[in-house]
Amino acid sequence: MANLERLKRLLICADPAAPMQHIYWLIPEKIGGRCGPAVAGWDLAAWKQAGIRAIVSLDETQVSTWQIQDAGIAHLPIYWPMIELTSHALQRDFVQRLPAIFRFLDEHSQDGDKVVVHCYHGLDRTGAVLACYLVYRHGSTPKEAITAVRKLRPQALSAYGYAQAVHLFAEQVGGLFSHQH
């Protein structure tokens, strides 16, 4: 439960009046998630001014790497289709993409810079990446990590297989969490 208390202190919500109103900050002012620009447009200049220095795109709808980079923001396009993870193989394939994402998050969230992860709706793919990052970087159990994401985005990780992918990831990082919660 100590990890859950620590996570509660990490969670904040974005100010609705700010240009970053659709971002939910899982790690305050460092790493957040949101829907893609097809659902709610984004103002890259305002993001840059607000300290966002990097974007991870899990969905390519209306995403332009050129526009992102032209705004002075680093971009990691790791597209994953909007599908349910209906098999262990699909869950494994999703999890195998995480190390590159985590390296990017770690590299770009240093020195006060902010990073945003997005997919189309900002729910399942984004939620799973963020939950797995909490498992990996903060030692959260899968249950704690999923709860933390859902506290900010209640519908997150509701598509079949994404919560299971968080558990699979935790098992792959050493089975450290399979006996807890």
N, C-alpha and C. Protein backbone atom coordinates (compact mmCIF):
# COMPACT_ATOMS: atom_id res chain seq x y z
N MET A 1 0.81 -1.20 0.00
CA MET A 1 0.00 0.00 0.00
C MET A 1 0.86 1.26 0.00
N ALA A 2 2.11 1.15 0.42
CA ALA A 2 2.98 2.33 0.41
C ALA A 2 3.12 2.88 -1.00
N ASN A 3 3.22 1.97 -1.99
CA ASN A 3 3.32 2.43 -3.37
C ASN A 3 2.07 3.19 -3.80
N LEU A 4 0.89 2.72 -3.38
CA LEU A 4 -0.35 3.39 -3.74
C LEU A 4 -0.39 4.80 -3.14
N GLU A 5 0.06 4.94 -1.90
CA GLU A 5 0.10 6.26 -1.28
C GLU A 5 1.07 7.17 -2.02
N ARG A 6 2.20 6.62 -2.44
CA ARG A 6 3.18 7.41 -3.19
C ARG A 6 2.59 7.84 -4.52
N LEU A 7 1.84 6.94 -5.16
CA LEU A 7 1.21 7.28 -6.44
C LEU A 7 0.16 8.37 -6.27
N LYS A 8 -0.59 8.32 -5.18
CA LYS A 8 -1.61 9.34 -4.94
C LYS A 8 -0.97 10.73 -4.90
N ARG A 9 0.23 10.81 -4.31
CA ARG A 9 0.91 12.10 -4.26
C ARG A 9 1.39 12.54 -5.63
N LEU A 10 1.61 11.57 -6.54
CA LEU A 10 2.10 11.91 -7.87
C LEU A 10 1.02 12.42 -8.81
N LEU A 11 -0.24 12.15 -8.50
CA LEU A 11 -1.31 12.40 -9.45
C LEU A 11 -1.88 13.81 -9.34
N ILE A 12 -1.97 14.47 -10.48
CA ILE A 12 -2.66 15.75 -10.56
C ILE A 12 -3.44 15.77 -11.86
N CYS A 13 -4.33 16.69 -11.98
CA CYS A 13 -5.09 16.86 -13.22
C CYS A 13 -4.69 18.18 -13.86
N ALA A 14 -4.81 18.22 -15.15
CA ALA A 14 -4.45 19.44 -15.88
C ALA A 14 -5.46 20.55 -15.60
N ASP A 15 -5.00 21.78 -15.63
CA ASP A 15 -5.85 22.95 -15.48
C ASP A 15 -6.69 23.11 -16.74
N PRO A 16 -8.03 23.06 -16.63
CA PRO A 16 -8.87 23.14 -17.82
C PRO A 16 -8.71 24.44 -18.61
N ALA A 17 -8.22 25.48 -18.00
CA ALA A 17 -8.06 26.75 -18.70
C ALA A 17 -6.77 26.80 -19.52
N ALA A 18 -5.87 25.89 -19.30
CA ALA A 18 -4.57 25.90 -19.96
C ALA A 18 -4.66 25.30 -21.36
N PRO A 19 -3.70 25.62 -22.23
CA PRO A 19 -3.70 25.03 -23.57
C PRO A 19 -3.49 23.52 -23.54
N MET A 20 -3.16 23.00 -22.40
CA MET A 20 -2.92 21.56 -22.27
C MET A 20 -4.09 20.87 -21.58
N GLN A 21 -5.29 21.42 -21.77
CA GLN A 21 -6.45 20.98 -21.00
C GLN A 21 -6.80 19.50 -21.13
N HIS A 22 -6.43 18.85 -22.20
CA HIS A 22 -6.79 17.44 -22.36
C HIS A 22 -5.72 16.49 -21.83
N ILE A 23 -4.65 17.03 -21.30
CA ILE A 23 -3.56 16.19 -20.79
C ILE A 23 -3.87 15.80 -19.35
N TYR A 24 -3.71 14.52 -19.06
CA TYR A 24 -3.76 14.08 -17.67
C TYR A 24 -2.34 13.72 -17.26
N TRP A 25 -1.86 14.38 -16.22
CA TRP A 25 -0.47 14.22 -15.78
C TRP A 25 -0.36 13.07 -14.81
N LEU A 26 0.18 11.97 -15.26
CA LEU A 26 0.37 10.82 -14.38
C LEU A 26 1.54 11.06 -13.44
N ILE A 27 2.59 11.64 -13.95
CA ILE A 27 3.72 12.07 -13.13
C ILE A 27 3.73 13.59 -13.27
N PRO A 28 3.38 14.30 -12.22
CA PRO A 28 3.11 15.74 -12.30
C PRO A 28 4.17 16.53 -13.06
N GLU A 29 3.66 17.25 -14.05
CA GLU A 29 4.48 18.16 -14.84
C GLU A 29 5.68 17.47 -15.47
N LYS A 30 5.59 16.15 -15.66
CA LYS A 30 6.67 15.41 -16.32
C LYS A 30 6.14 14.52 -17.43
N ILE A 31 5.25 13.59 -17.07
CA ILE A 31 4.76 12.62 -18.05
C ILE A 31 3.24 12.56 -17.97
N GLY A 32 2.61 12.80 -19.11
CA GLY A 32 1.15 12.79 -19.16
C GLY A 32 0.65 12.06 -20.39
N GLY A 33 -0.64 11.86 -20.41
CA GLY A 33 -1.29 11.21 -21.54
C GLY A 33 -2.45 12.07 -22.02
N ARG A 34 -2.88 11.79 -23.22
CA ARG A 34 -4.04 12.50 -23.76
C ARG A 34 -4.50 11.84 -25.04
N CYS A 35 -5.62 12.33 -25.55
CA CYS A 35 -6.11 11.89 -26.85
C CYS A 35 -5.27 12.54 -27.94
N GLY A 36 -5.41 12.01 -29.14
CA GLY A 36 -4.68 12.55 -30.27
C GLY A 36 -5.33 13.79 -30.85
N PRO A 37 -4.67 14.43 -31.81
CA PRO A 37 -5.17 15.68 -32.38
C PRO A 37 -6.45 15.51 -33.20
N ALA A 38 -6.78 14.30 -33.62
CA ALA A 38 -8.03 14.09 -34.36
C ALA A 38 -9.23 14.23 -33.43
N VAL A 39 -9.05 13.94 -32.15
CA VAL A 39 -10.14 14.05 -31.17
C VAL A 39 -10.20 15.45 -30.58
N ALA A 40 -9.05 15.98 -30.22
CA ALA A 40 -8.96 17.34 -29.67
C ALA A 40 -7.66 17.94 -30.17
N GLY A 41 -7.78 18.98 -30.97
CA GLY A 41 -6.59 19.59 -31.56
C GLY A 41 -5.58 20.01 -30.52
N TRP A 42 -4.35 20.15 -30.97
CA TRP A 42 -3.32 20.60 -30.05
C TRP A 42 -2.61 21.81 -30.62
N ASP A 43 -2.08 22.61 -29.73
CA ASP A 43 -1.35 23.82 -30.08
C ASP A 43 0.11 23.58 -29.71
N LEU A 44 0.89 23.15 -30.70
CA LEU A 44 2.27 22.75 -30.44
C LEU A 44 3.11 23.91 -29.91
N ALA A 45 2.86 25.12 -30.40
CA ALA A 45 3.62 26.28 -29.91
C ALA A 45 3.33 26.53 -28.43
N ALA A 46 2.06 26.41 -28.04
CA ALA A 46 1.69 26.59 -26.63
C ALA A 46 2.28 25.47 -25.78
N TRP A 47 2.29 24.26 -26.32
CA TRP A 47 2.88 23.14 -25.59
C TRP A 47 4.37 23.39 -25.36
N LYS A 48 5.05 23.80 -26.40
CA LYS A 48 6.49 24.07 -26.28
C LYS A 48 6.72 25.15 -25.23
N GLN A 49 5.92 26.21 -25.27
CA GLN A 49 6.05 27.29 -24.29
C GLN A 49 5.78 26.79 -22.88
N ALA A 50 4.89 25.81 -22.74
CA ALA A 50 4.55 25.25 -21.43
C ALA A 50 5.55 24.20 -20.95
N GLY A 51 6.57 23.92 -21.75
CA GLY A 51 7.61 23.00 -21.31
C GLY A 51 7.52 21.59 -21.87
N ILE A 52 6.56 21.33 -22.74
CA ILE A 52 6.49 20.00 -23.37
C ILE A 52 7.57 19.95 -24.44
N ARG A 53 8.48 19.01 -24.29
CA ARG A 53 9.62 18.91 -25.20
C ARG A 53 9.62 17.63 -26.02
N ALA A 54 8.64 16.74 -25.74
CA ALA A 54 8.62 15.47 -26.46
C ALA A 54 7.22 14.88 -26.48
N ILE A 55 6.92 14.16 -27.57
CA ILE A 55 5.63 13.50 -27.76
C ILE A 55 5.88 12.07 -28.23
N VAL A 56 5.17 11.13 -27.60
CA VAL A 56 5.13 9.74 -28.07
C VAL A 56 3.78 9.54 -28.73
N SER A 57 3.79 9.18 -30.01
CA SER A 57 2.55 8.95 -30.75
C SER A 57 2.33 7.46 -30.93
N LEU A 58 1.23 6.97 -30.39
CA LEU A 58 0.84 5.57 -30.57
C LEU A 58 -0.20 5.44 -31.67
N ASP A 59 -0.68 6.57 -32.16
CA ASP A 59 -1.67 6.62 -33.24
C ASP A 59 -1.22 7.69 -34.22
N GLU A 60 -1.42 7.44 -35.50
CA GLU A 60 -0.92 8.37 -36.52
C GLU A 60 -1.98 9.29 -37.11
N THR A 61 -3.23 9.19 -36.66
CA THR A 61 -4.30 9.99 -37.23
C THR A 61 -4.05 11.48 -36.99
N GLN A 62 -3.91 12.22 -38.06
CA GLN A 62 -3.66 13.66 -38.05
C GLN A 62 -2.39 14.05 -37.30
N VAL A 63 -1.41 13.14 -37.27
CA VAL A 63 -0.13 13.42 -36.63
C VAL A 63 0.91 13.66 -37.71
N SER A 64 1.64 14.75 -37.60
CA SER A 64 2.71 15.07 -38.54
C SER A 64 4.02 15.20 -37.78
N THR A 65 4.90 14.22 -37.98
CA THR A 65 6.22 14.29 -37.34
C THR A 65 6.91 15.59 -37.72
N TRP A 66 6.77 15.98 -38.98
CA TRP A 66 7.41 17.21 -39.44
C TRP A 66 6.92 18.42 -38.65
N GLN A 67 5.60 18.54 -38.46
CA GLN A 67 5.05 19.68 -37.71
C GLN A 67 5.51 19.66 -36.26
N ILE A 68 5.55 18.48 -35.68
CA ILE A 68 5.98 18.36 -34.28
C ILE A 68 7.43 18.79 -34.15
N GLN A 69 8.27 18.24 -35.01
CA GLN A 69 9.69 18.58 -34.94
C GLN A 69 9.95 20.03 -35.32
N ASP A 70 9.18 20.56 -36.26
CA ASP A 70 9.31 21.96 -36.65
C ASP A 70 8.98 22.89 -35.49
N ALA A 71 8.12 22.43 -34.58
CA ALA A 71 7.77 23.21 -33.39
C ALA A 71 8.85 23.10 -32.31
N GLY A 72 9.90 22.32 -32.59
CA GLY A 72 10.98 22.15 -31.62
C GLY A 72 10.69 21.11 -30.56
N ILE A 73 9.83 20.16 -30.90
CA ILE A 73 9.44 19.10 -29.97
C ILE A 73 9.92 17.77 -30.55
N ALA A 74 10.60 16.98 -29.71
CA ALA A 74 11.05 15.65 -30.15
C ALA A 74 9.83 14.75 -30.32
N HIS A 75 9.93 13.80 -31.26
CA HIS A 75 8.78 12.95 -31.55
C HIS A 75 9.23 11.50 -31.71
N LEU A 76 8.52 10.61 -31.03
CA LEU A 76 8.73 9.17 -31.19
C LEU A 76 7.44 8.56 -31.70
N PRO A 77 7.38 8.25 -33.00
CA PRO A 77 6.19 7.59 -33.54
C PRO A 77 6.33 6.07 -33.41
N ILE A 78 5.57 5.50 -32.50
CA ILE A 78 5.52 4.04 -32.36
C ILE A 78 4.05 3.68 -32.48
N TYR A 79 3.60 3.59 -33.72
CA TYR A 79 2.18 3.40 -33.98
C TYR A 79 1.76 1.97 -33.67
N TRP A 80 0.60 1.88 -33.05
CA TRP A 80 -0.01 0.60 -32.72
C TRP A 80 -1.47 0.72 -33.12
N PRO A 81 -2.01 -0.22 -33.87
CA PRO A 81 -3.40 -0.08 -34.33
C PRO A 81 -4.40 -0.05 -33.17
N MET A 82 -5.54 0.58 -33.43
CA MET A 82 -6.61 0.66 -32.44
C MET A 82 -7.36 -0.68 -32.46
N ILE A 83 -6.80 -1.64 -31.74
CA ILE A 83 -7.37 -2.98 -31.69
C ILE A 83 -7.41 -3.46 -30.25
N GLU A 84 -8.25 -4.45 -30.01
CA GLU A 84 -8.22 -5.13 -28.73
C GLU A 84 -7.07 -6.13 -28.76
N LEU A 85 -6.47 -6.36 -27.61
CA LEU A 85 -5.37 -7.32 -27.51
C LEU A 85 -5.97 -8.68 -27.15
N THR A 86 -6.54 -9.32 -28.16
CA THR A 86 -7.35 -10.52 -27.95
C THR A 86 -6.55 -11.80 -27.76
N SER A 87 -5.25 -11.72 -27.88
CA SER A 87 -4.43 -12.92 -27.69
C SER A 87 -3.18 -12.57 -26.90
N HIS A 88 -2.59 -13.60 -26.35
CA HIS A 88 -1.33 -13.41 -25.63
C HIS A 88 -0.26 -12.88 -26.58
N ALA A 89 -0.29 -13.32 -27.83
CA ALA A 89 0.69 -12.87 -28.82
C ALA A 89 0.56 -11.36 -29.06
N LEU A 90 -0.66 -10.85 -29.17
CA LEU A 90 -0.85 -9.41 -29.35
C LEU A 90 -0.40 -8.63 -28.12
N GLN A 91 -0.71 -9.15 -26.94
CA GLN A 91 -0.27 -8.50 -25.72
C GLN A 91 1.26 -8.47 -25.66
N ARG A 92 1.89 -9.57 -26.02
CA ARG A 92 3.35 -9.65 -26.03
C ARG A 92 3.94 -8.66 -27.04
N ASP A 93 3.34 -8.58 -28.22
CA ASP A 93 3.83 -7.64 -29.24
C ASP A 93 3.73 -6.20 -28.75
N PHE A 94 2.64 -5.88 -28.07
CA PHE A 94 2.48 -4.54 -27.51
C PHE A 94 3.57 -4.26 -26.48
N VAL A 95 3.77 -5.21 -25.57
CA VAL A 95 4.75 -5.06 -24.49
C VAL A 95 6.17 -4.92 -25.05
N GLN A 96 6.45 -5.58 -26.16
CA GLN A 96 7.80 -5.52 -26.73
C GLN A 96 8.16 -4.13 -27.23
N ARG A 97 7.20 -3.27 -27.43
CA ARG A 97 7.47 -1.90 -27.88
C ARG A 97 7.83 -0.96 -26.72
N LEU A 98 7.59 -1.41 -25.51
CA LEU A 98 7.74 -0.53 -24.35
C LEU A 98 9.17 -0.07 -24.07
N PRO A 99 10.19 -0.91 -24.19
CA PRO A 99 11.54 -0.43 -23.86
C PRO A 99 11.96 0.83 -24.63
N ALA A 100 11.66 0.89 -25.91
CA ALA A 100 12.01 2.08 -26.70
C ALA A 100 11.25 3.30 -26.20
N ILE A 101 9.99 3.10 -25.85
CA ILE A 101 9.18 4.20 -25.33
C ILE A 101 9.74 4.68 -23.99
N PHE A 102 10.09 3.74 -23.12
CA PHE A 102 10.60 4.11 -21.80
C PHE A 102 11.94 4.84 -21.90
N ARG A 103 12.81 4.41 -22.82
CA ARG A 103 14.07 5.14 -23.02
C ARG A 103 13.79 6.58 -23.43
N PHE A 104 12.83 6.76 -24.33
CA PHE A 104 12.46 8.10 -24.80
C PHE A 104 11.87 8.92 -23.65
N LEU A 105 10.97 8.32 -22.87
CA LEU A 105 10.38 9.03 -21.73
C LEU A 105 11.45 9.45 -20.73
N ASP A 106 12.36 8.53 -20.41
CA ASP A 106 13.42 8.85 -19.45
C ASP A 106 14.33 9.96 -19.99
N GLU A 107 14.71 9.83 -21.24
CA GLU A 107 15.62 10.80 -21.85
C GLU A 107 15.01 12.20 -21.88
N HIS A 108 13.73 12.28 -22.19
CA HIS A 108 13.11 13.59 -22.41
C HIS A 108 12.37 14.15 -21.21
N SER A 109 12.27 13.41 -20.13
CA SER A 109 11.58 13.95 -18.95
C SER A 109 12.57 14.46 -17.91
N GLN A 110 13.83 14.51 -18.28
CA GLN A 110 14.87 15.04 -17.39
C GLN A 110 14.83 16.56 -17.40
N ASP A 111 15.45 17.16 -16.43
CA ASP A 111 15.66 18.61 -16.40
C ASP A 111 14.36 19.41 -16.50
N GLY A 112 13.28 18.89 -15.96
CA GLY A 112 12.03 19.63 -15.94
C GLY A 112 11.23 19.62 -17.22
N ASP A 113 11.72 18.92 -18.24
CA ASP A 113 10.96 18.83 -19.49
C ASP A 113 9.77 17.90 -19.31
N LYS A 114 8.74 18.15 -20.11
CA LYS A 114 7.50 17.37 -20.05
C LYS A 114 7.36 16.54 -21.31
N VAL A 115 6.75 15.37 -21.15
CA VAL A 115 6.51 14.46 -22.27
C VAL A 115 5.04 14.07 -22.26
N VAL A 116 4.45 14.02 -23.45
CA VAL A 116 3.05 13.61 -23.60
C VAL A 116 3.01 12.34 -24.45
N VAL A 117 2.26 11.35 -23.98
CA VAL A 117 1.99 10.12 -24.72
C VAL A 117 0.55 10.20 -25.19
N HIS A 118 0.30 9.86 -26.45
CA HIS A 118 -1.08 9.90 -26.93
C HIS A 118 -1.35 8.74 -27.88
N CYS A 119 -2.62 8.39 -27.93
CA CYS A 119 -3.15 7.51 -28.98
C CYS A 119 -4.38 8.25 -29.53
N TYR A 120 -5.32 7.56 -30.11
CA TYR A 120 -6.47 8.25 -30.68
C TYR A 120 -7.35 8.87 -29.59
N HIS A 121 -7.80 8.03 -28.64
CA HIS A 121 -8.68 8.49 -27.56
C HIS A 121 -7.94 8.78 -26.26
N GLY A 122 -6.69 8.35 -26.15
CA GLY A 122 -5.93 8.56 -24.92
C GLY A 122 -6.33 7.63 -23.80
N LEU A 123 -6.89 6.49 -24.15
CA LEU A 123 -7.43 5.59 -23.13
C LEU A 123 -6.65 4.28 -22.99
N ASP A 124 -6.71 3.44 -23.99
CA ASP A 124 -6.20 2.09 -23.83
C ASP A 124 -4.71 1.96 -24.14
N ARG A 125 -4.30 2.34 -25.32
CA ARG A 125 -2.88 2.26 -25.65
C ARG A 125 -2.07 3.20 -24.76
N THR A 126 -2.53 4.43 -24.66
CA THR A 126 -1.84 5.41 -23.80
C THR A 126 -1.87 4.96 -22.35
N GLY A 127 -3.04 4.55 -21.88
CA GLY A 127 -3.17 4.10 -20.49
C GLY A 127 -2.27 2.93 -20.17
N ALA A 128 -2.17 1.98 -21.09
CA ALA A 128 -1.31 0.81 -20.86
C ALA A 128 0.16 1.21 -20.81
N VAL A 129 0.58 2.08 -21.72
CA VAL A 129 1.98 2.54 -21.70
C VAL A 129 2.28 3.24 -20.38
N LEU A 130 1.41 4.13 -19.96
CA LEU A 130 1.65 4.88 -18.72
C LEU A 130 1.62 3.96 -17.50
N ALA A 131 0.69 3.02 -17.47
CA ALA A 131 0.63 2.08 -16.34
C ALA A 131 1.90 1.23 -16.29
N CYS A 132 2.34 0.75 -17.44
CA CYS A 132 3.57 -0.05 -17.47
C CYS A 132 4.77 0.78 -17.04
N TYR A 133 4.77 2.06 -17.38
CA TYR A 133 5.87 2.92 -16.96
C TYR A 133 5.90 3.05 -15.44
N LEU A 134 4.74 3.14 -14.81
CA LEU A 134 4.69 3.18 -13.34
C LEU A 134 5.23 1.89 -12.75
N VAL A 135 4.91 0.76 -13.36
CA VAL A 135 5.45 -0.52 -12.90
C VAL A 135 6.97 -0.52 -13.03
N TYR A 136 7.44 -0.10 -14.18
CA TYR A 136 8.86 -0.14 -14.50
C TYR A 136 9.69 0.87 -13.70
N ARG A 137 9.27 2.09 -13.70
CA ARG A 137 10.08 3.17 -13.15
C ARG A 137 9.80 3.44 -11.67
N HIS A 138 8.59 3.18 -11.21
CA HIS A 138 8.21 3.53 -9.84
C HIS A 138 7.92 2.32 -8.95
N GLY A 139 8.08 1.11 -9.49
CA GLY A 139 7.89 -0.09 -8.69
C GLY A 139 6.45 -0.36 -8.29
N SER A 140 5.51 0.18 -9.02
CA SER A 140 4.10 -0.05 -8.73
C SER A 140 3.72 -1.48 -9.11
N THR A 141 2.73 -2.00 -8.43
CA THR A 141 2.15 -3.27 -8.87
C THR A 141 1.26 -2.96 -10.07
N PRO A 142 0.94 -3.96 -10.89
CA PRO A 142 0.02 -3.70 -12.00
C PRO A 142 -1.31 -3.10 -11.52
N LYS A 143 -1.83 -3.63 -10.44
CA LYS A 143 -3.11 -3.13 -9.93
C LYS A 143 -2.99 -1.66 -9.52
N GLU A 144 -1.92 -1.30 -8.82
CA GLU A 144 -1.73 0.09 -8.41
C GLU A 144 -1.59 1.00 -9.63
N ALA A 145 -0.83 0.55 -10.61
CA ALA A 145 -0.59 1.36 -11.80
C ALA A 145 -1.88 1.58 -12.59
N ILE A 146 -2.64 0.52 -12.78
CA ILE A 146 -3.91 0.63 -13.50
C ILE A 146 -4.87 1.55 -12.74
N THR A 147 -4.93 1.40 -11.43
CA THR A 147 -5.78 2.26 -10.60
C THR A 147 -5.37 3.72 -10.73
N ALA A 148 -4.07 3.98 -10.75
CA ALA A 148 -3.57 5.36 -10.87
C ALA A 148 -4.00 5.98 -12.19
N VAL A 149 -3.89 5.23 -13.27
CA VAL A 149 -4.30 5.74 -14.58
C VAL A 149 -5.81 5.96 -14.61
N ARG A 150 -6.56 4.99 -14.10
CA ARG A 150 -8.03 5.11 -14.11
C ARG A 150 -8.54 6.21 -13.19
N LYS A 151 -7.77 6.57 -12.20
CA LYS A 151 -8.18 7.69 -11.35
C LYS A 151 -8.25 8.97 -12.18
N LEU A 152 -7.34 9.10 -13.13
CA LEU A 152 -7.31 10.28 -13.99
C LEU A 152 -8.19 10.12 -15.22
N ARG A 153 -8.26 8.92 -15.76
CA ARG A 153 -9.06 8.61 -16.96
C ARG A 153 -9.86 7.34 -16.65
N PRO A 154 -11.05 7.49 -16.07
CA PRO A 154 -11.82 6.33 -15.61
C PRO A 154 -12.08 5.26 -16.68
N GLN A 155 -12.18 5.65 -17.94
CA GLN A 155 -12.45 4.67 -19.00
C GLN A 155 -11.18 3.99 -19.51
N ALA A 156 -10.03 4.40 -19.02
CA ALA A 156 -8.76 3.87 -19.53
C ALA A 156 -8.64 2.37 -19.29
N LEU A 157 -7.95 1.73 -20.18
CA LEU A 157 -7.65 0.30 -20.09
C LEU A 157 -8.93 -0.54 -20.05
N SER A 158 -9.97 -0.08 -20.74
CA SER A 158 -11.22 -0.82 -20.75
C SER A 158 -11.35 -1.73 -21.96
N ALA A 159 -10.58 -1.48 -23.02
CA ALA A 159 -10.61 -2.38 -24.18
C ALA A 159 -9.90 -3.68 -23.79
N TYR A 160 -10.40 -4.76 -24.34
CA TYR A 160 -9.91 -6.08 -23.97
C TYR A 160 -8.40 -6.20 -24.19
N GLY A 161 -7.72 -6.70 -23.17
CA GLY A 161 -6.32 -7.08 -23.29
C GLY A 161 -5.31 -6.06 -22.79
N TYR A 162 -5.70 -4.81 -22.63
CA TYR A 162 -4.71 -3.80 -22.23
C TYR A 162 -4.33 -3.91 -20.76
N ALA A 163 -5.28 -4.14 -19.88
CA ALA A 163 -4.94 -4.36 -18.48
C ALA A 163 -4.12 -5.64 -18.34
N GLN A 164 -4.48 -6.66 -19.13
CA GLN A 164 -3.71 -7.90 -19.11
C GLN A 164 -2.28 -7.66 -19.58
N ALA A 165 -2.09 -6.76 -20.53
CA ALA A 165 -0.75 -6.44 -21.02
C ALA A 165 0.10 -5.81 -19.91
N VAL A 166 -0.52 -5.02 -19.04
CA VAL A 166 0.21 -4.43 -17.91
C VAL A 166 0.69 -5.55 -16.99
N HIS A 167 -0.17 -6.52 -16.73
CA HIS A 167 0.23 -7.66 -15.89
C HIS A 167 1.33 -8.48 -16.57
N LEU A 168 1.20 -8.70 -17.86
CA LEU A 168 2.23 -9.43 -18.60
C LEU A 168 3.57 -8.69 -18.52
N PHE A 169 3.53 -7.38 -18.68
CA PHE A 169 4.76 -6.60 -18.58
C PHE A 169 5.40 -6.77 -17.20
N ALA A 170 4.59 -6.70 -16.15
CA ALA A 170 5.12 -6.85 -14.79
C ALA A 170 5.77 -8.22 -14.61
N GLU A 171 5.16 -9.25 -15.17
CA GLU A 171 5.75 -10.59 -15.10
C GLU A 171 7.08 -10.63 -15.84
N GLN A 172 7.15 -9.95 -16.96
CA GLN A 172 8.38 -9.97 -17.76
C GLN A 172 9.51 -9.19 -17.11
N VAL A 173 9.18 -8.22 -16.25
CA VAL A 173 10.25 -7.50 -15.57
C VAL A 173 10.70 -8.25 -14.35
N GLY A 174 10.35 -9.50 -14.26
CA GLY A 174 10.90 -10.33 -13.21
C GLY A 174 9.89 -11.02 -12.33
N GLY A 175 8.63 -10.92 -12.65
CA GLY A 175 7.62 -11.56 -11.82
C GLY A 175 7.54 -10.96 -10.43
N LEU A 176 8.05 -9.76 -10.28
CA LEU A 176 8.12 -9.14 -8.96
C LEU A 176 6.76 -8.85 -8.35
N PHE A 177 5.75 -8.73 -9.19
CA PHE A 177 4.47 -8.25 -8.68
C PHE A 177 3.37 -9.30 -8.71
N SER A 178 3.66 -10.49 -9.19
CA SER A 178 2.61 -11.49 -9.35
C SER A 178 2.05 -11.96 -8.01
N HIS A 179 2.80 -11.82 -6.93
CA HIS A 179 2.32 -12.28 -5.64
C HIS A 179 1.60 -11.20 -4.85
N GLN A 180 1.58 -9.99 -5.37
CA GLN A 180 0.94 -8.88 -4.65
C GLN A 180 -0.41 -8.57 -5.28
N HIS A 181 -1.29 -8.06 -4.50
CA HIS A 181 -2.62 -7.55 -4.91
C HIS A 181 -3.21 -8.42 -5.97
